[in-house]
Amino acid sequence: MITSNKSFSEWEELFGDPVIATAILDRLLHHCRVINIKGNSYRMKGFKKLNGGQ
């Protein structure tokens, strides 16, 4: 299992090279199932409670 908070389109910037990013994604996504989870972060929810809702 691999998790990331970056979209696939942002991986080029992450690795600094579009060829490397494309090659990595090609190999990772060949036999995988992508589950995109959207919503508020549970960690941020806890952080906001500790800091007075800010």
C-alpha atoms as a PDB file:
ATOM      1  CA  MET A   1       0.000   0.000   0.000  1.00  0.00           C
ATOM      2  CA  ILE A   2       1.262   3.435  -0.911  1.00  0.00           C
ATOM      3  CA  THR A   3      -0.408   6.623   0.266  1.00  0.00           C
ATOM      4  CA  SER A   4       0.188  10.176  -0.834  1.00  0.00           C
ATOM      5  CA  ASN A   5      -1.357  13.575  -0.391  1.00  0.00           C
ATOM      6  CA  LYS A   6      -0.110  14.540  -3.864  1.00  0.00           C
ATOM      7  CA  SER A   7      -2.111  14.044  -7.033  1.00  0.00           C
ATOM      8  CA  PHE A   8      -0.444  12.186  -9.890  1.00  0.00           C
ATOM      9  CA  SER A   9      -0.018  15.468 -11.759  1.00  0.00           C
ATOM     10  CA  GLU A  10       2.107  16.798  -8.866  1.00  0.00           C
ATOM     11  CA  TRP A  11       4.580  13.883  -8.904  1.00  0.00           C
ATOM     12  CA  GLU A  12       6.669  15.537 -11.632  1.00  0.00           C
ATOM     13  CA  GLU A  13       7.436  18.411  -9.283  1.00  0.00           C
ATOM     14  CA  LEU A  14       7.999  16.013  -6.390  1.00  0.00           C
ATOM     15  CA  PHE A  15      10.671  14.025  -8.253  1.00  0.00           C
ATOM     16  CA  GLY A  16      11.983  16.990 -10.247  1.00  0.00           C
ATOM     17  CA  ASP A  17      11.942  15.086 -13.541  1.00  0.00           C
ATOM     18  CA  PRO A  18       8.887  14.308 -15.699  1.00  0.00           C
ATOM     19  CA  VAL A  19      10.480  11.174 -17.186  1.00  0.00           C
ATOM     20  CA  ILE A  20      11.247   9.689 -13.763  1.00  0.00           C
ATOM     21  CA  ALA A  21       7.793  10.582 -12.421  1.00  0.00           C
ATOM     22  CA  THR A  22       6.097   9.014 -15.453  1.00  0.00           C
ATOM     23  CA  ALA A  23       8.194   5.849 -15.169  1.00  0.00           C
ATOM     24  CA  ILE A  24       7.445   5.459 -11.456  1.00  0.00           C
ATOM     25  CA  LEU A  25       3.720   6.027 -11.951  1.00  0.00           C
ATOM     26  CA  ASP A  26       3.664   3.642 -14.911  1.00  0.00           C
ATOM     27  CA  ARG A  27       5.134   0.855 -12.805  1.00  0.00           C
ATOM     28  CA  LEU A  28       3.040   1.579  -9.727  1.00  0.00           C
ATOM     29  CA  LEU A  29      -0.272   1.910 -11.548  1.00  0.00           C
ATOM     30  CA  HIS A  30       0.102  -1.059 -13.916  1.00  0.00           C
ATOM     31  CA  HIS A  31      -1.544  -3.606 -11.582  1.00  0.00           C
ATOM     32  CA  CYS A  32      -3.077  -1.508  -8.847  1.00  0.00           C
ATOM     33  CA  ARG A  33      -6.353  -0.162  -7.650  1.00  0.00           C
ATOM     34  CA  VAL A  34      -6.480   3.567  -6.925  1.00  0.00           C
ATOM     35  CA  ILE A  35      -8.760   4.730  -4.138  1.00  0.00           C
ATOM     36  CA  ASN A  36      -9.190   8.490  -3.973  1.00  0.00           C
ATOM     37  CA  ILE A  37     -10.396   9.648  -0.581  1.00  0.00           C
ATOM     38  CA  LYS A  38     -11.690  13.195  -0.358  1.00  0.00           C
ATOM     39  CA  GLY A  39     -12.732  15.031   2.745  1.00  0.00           C
ATOM     40  CA  ASN A  40     -11.416  16.741   5.805  1.00  0.00           C
ATOM     41  CA  SER A  41      -8.279  15.415   7.458  1.00  0.00           C
ATOM     42  CA  TYR A  42      -8.751  13.772  10.857  1.00  0.00           C
ATOM     43  CA  ARG A  43      -5.327  15.065  11.896  1.00  0.00           C
ATOM     44  CA  MET A  44      -6.291  18.641  11.020  1.00  0.00           C
ATOM     45  CA  LYS A  45      -9.568  18.207  12.910  1.00  0.00           C
ATOM     46  CA  GLY A  46      -7.640  17.240  16.067  1.00  0.00           C
ATOM     47  CA  PHE A  47      -5.129  20.032  15.529  1.00  0.00           C
ATOM     48  CA  LYS A  48      -7.893  22.615  15.242  1.00  0.00           C
ATOM     49  CA  LYS A  49      -9.502  21.402  18.484  1.00  0.00           C
ATOM     50  CA  LEU A  50      -6.185  21.725  20.331  1.00  0.00           C
ATOM     51  CA  ASN A  51      -5.653  25.243  18.983  1.00  0.00           C
ATOM     52  CA  GLY A  52      -9.064  26.689  19.758  1.00  0.00           C
ATOM     53  CA  GLY A  53     -10.749  26.022  16.396  1.00  0.00           C
ATOM     54  CA  GLN A  54      -8.313  28.005  14.273  1.00  0.00           C
END
